[in-house]
Amino acid sequence: MKTYLRILSYARPFGKFVPTYIGYTLLSIIFGLINFTLLKPLFDVIFEQVAPESLERFRDLPRFQFTLEYFTGLFNHYFLKIQDDYGKVGTLAFVCIVIVFSVFLSNLFTYLSGVVLAKVRAKVIKGMRTNIFNRVSGLHLSYFSNERKGDLMSKMTNDVQEVENTIVQSLRVVFREPATIILYFAV
């Protein structure tokens, strides 16, 4: 555990990227969740499961509240309005457009969180390689005569690569996976 914390100490100076990464990750998860929840209205329209009387309460535009019920009511309001104005085909097109837009936003935020993570990874690896170079440069010359140069370079390269993969995976697991589980169960 001490080794892991020592490795993560290289990422400490880049803590300013963490809120941005968490924000993009949460938005990616939210829009990914919306993708799945929008499949129900799509299938309802396709298989004619929409009962007009069940949507009558959504005729009036709901008052703004930052709740799940508000956004559901807003979607159902426009869903009902488009169903009245354009029929089944128009409603199907509306749901498909909303799904495509949601998928686009989910993928955009996933990409942006990956970009932030790549910046952190590159800076952490640069710091580690600088420290390794300084350490190797300070070694006594007899060390290099006893060790094979190819083995030394291979060890340094492979070890830094493994640490890089570990850092990226740990940042993903620490932030993304718990948030995904919590949001999926919350909705």
Foldseek 3Di string as FASTA:
>chain_A
DVVLVVLCVLLVVVCVLVVVLLVLLLLLLVLVLVLVVLVVQLVCLVVVVDDLVVLVVLCDQDDDDPDPVNVVSNVSNVLSVQCVVPNSVSSNVVSVVSSVVSNVSSVVSVVVSVVSLVVSLVSSLVVVVVVVVVVVVPDDPVVPVVDDPVVVVVVVVVVSVVSSVVVSVVSCVVRNPVSNVVVVVVD
